[in-house]
């Protein structure tokens, strides 16, 4: 029996936030807060968030 390991298609954190923002589930400020909560930024940084989201 041959078993192939299949990679899971799990988005990384910033891709997940971007997907939620683009689908309208979260606002720009909420996305910035998510980056802050996950220690990607030392404060709620709107400009950094815009760069990560490609706006």
C-alpha atoms as a PDB file:
ATOM      1  CA  UNK A   1       0.000   0.000   0.000  1.00  0.00           C
ATOM      2  CA  UNK A   2       1.399   3.384  -1.033  1.00  0.00           C
ATOM      3  CA  UNK A   3       0.469   6.384   1.077  1.00  0.00           C
ATOM      4  CA  UNK A   4       1.329   9.814  -0.232  1.00  0.00           C
ATOM      5  CA  UNK A   5       1.684  12.669   2.177  1.00  0.00           C
ATOM      6  CA  UNK A   6      -0.466  15.532   1.016  1.00  0.00           C
ATOM      7  CA  UNK A   7       0.421  19.039   2.045  1.00  0.00           C
ATOM      8  CA  UNK A   8      -2.376  20.944   3.666  1.00  0.00           C
ATOM      9  CA  UNK A   9      -3.331  24.216   2.022  1.00  0.00           C
ATOM     10  CA  UNK A  10      -3.311  26.335   5.169  1.00  0.00           C
ATOM     11  CA  UNK A  11      -2.812  30.073   4.596  1.00  0.00           C
ATOM     12  CA  UNK A  12      -0.216  31.850   6.707  1.00  0.00           C
ATOM     13  CA  UNK A  13      -1.292  34.588   9.094  1.00  0.00           C
ATOM     14  CA  UNK A  14      -1.010  37.612   6.804  1.00  0.00           C
ATOM     15  CA  UNK A  15      -2.770  35.765   3.963  1.00  0.00           C
ATOM     16  CA  UNK A  16      -5.604  34.907   6.331  1.00  0.00           C
ATOM     17  CA  UNK A  17      -5.982  38.540   7.452  1.00  0.00           C
ATOM     18  CA  UNK A  18      -5.838  39.710   3.831  1.00  0.00           C
ATOM     19  CA  UNK A  19      -8.539  37.234   2.808  1.00  0.00           C
ATOM     20  CA  UNK A  20     -10.792  38.363   5.668  1.00  0.00           C
ATOM     21  CA  UNK A  21     -10.250  42.028   4.775  1.00  0.00           C
ATOM     22  CA  UNK A  22     -10.909  41.518   1.062  1.00  0.00           C
ATOM     23  CA  UNK A  23     -14.097  39.587   1.760  1.00  0.00           C
ATOM     24  CA  UNK A  24     -15.357  42.371   4.025  1.00  0.00           C
ATOM     25  CA  UNK A  25     -15.309  40.375   7.252  1.00  0.00           C
ATOM     26  CA  UNK A  26     -12.958  42.842   8.973  1.00  0.00           C
ATOM     27  CA  UNK A  27     -12.119  46.525   8.569  1.00  0.00           C
ATOM     28  CA  UNK A  28      -8.674  48.012   7.996  1.00  0.00           C
ATOM     29  CA  UNK A  29      -8.435  48.991  11.673  1.00  0.00           C
ATOM     30  CA  UNK A  30      -9.416  45.468  12.749  1.00  0.00           C
ATOM     31  CA  UNK A  31      -6.745  44.039  10.429  1.00  0.00           C
ATOM     32  CA  UNK A  32      -4.170  46.403  11.955  1.00  0.00           C
ATOM     33  CA  UNK A  33      -5.278  45.292  15.405  1.00  0.00           C
ATOM     34  CA  UNK A  34      -4.798  41.644  14.402  1.00  0.00           C
ATOM     35  CA  UNK A  35      -1.216  42.383  13.288  1.00  0.00           C
ATOM     36  CA  UNK A  36      -0.618  44.125  16.633  1.00  0.00           C
ATOM     37  CA  UNK A  37      -2.148  41.299  18.695  1.00  0.00           C
ATOM     38  CA  UNK A  38       0.007  38.741  16.928  1.00  0.00           C
ATOM     39  CA  UNK A  39       3.158  40.789  17.659  1.00  0.00           C
ATOM     40  CA  UNK A  40       3.849  41.671  14.032  1.00  0.00           C
ATOM     41  CA  UNK A  41       3.864  45.380  14.987  1.00  0.00           C
ATOM     42  CA  UNK A  42       4.586  47.139  18.296  1.00  0.00           C
ATOM     43  CA  UNK A  43       1.406  49.234  17.941  1.00  0.00           C
ATOM     44  CA  UNK A  44      -1.725  49.377  15.734  1.00  0.00           C
ATOM     45  CA  UNK A  45       0.037  50.469  12.545  1.00  0.00           C
ATOM     46  CA  UNK A  46      -2.379  51.343   9.728  1.00  0.00           C
ATOM     47  CA  UNK A  47       0.388  52.111   7.196  1.00  0.00           C
ATOM     48  CA  UNK A  48       2.112  48.753   7.750  1.00  0.00           C
ATOM     49  CA  UNK A  49      -1.259  47.020   7.448  1.00  0.00           C
ATOM     50  CA  UNK A  50      -1.982  48.760   4.143  1.00  0.00           C
ATOM     51  CA  UNK A  51       1.391  47.586   2.838  1.00  0.00           C
ATOM     52  CA  UNK A  52       0.724  43.993   3.913  1.00  0.00           C
ATOM     53  CA  UNK A  53      -2.751  44.031   2.364  1.00  0.00           C
ATOM     54  CA  UNK A  54      -1.531  45.582  -0.879  1.00  0.00           C
ATOM     55  CA  UNK A  55      -3.635  48.732  -0.638  1.00  0.00           C
END
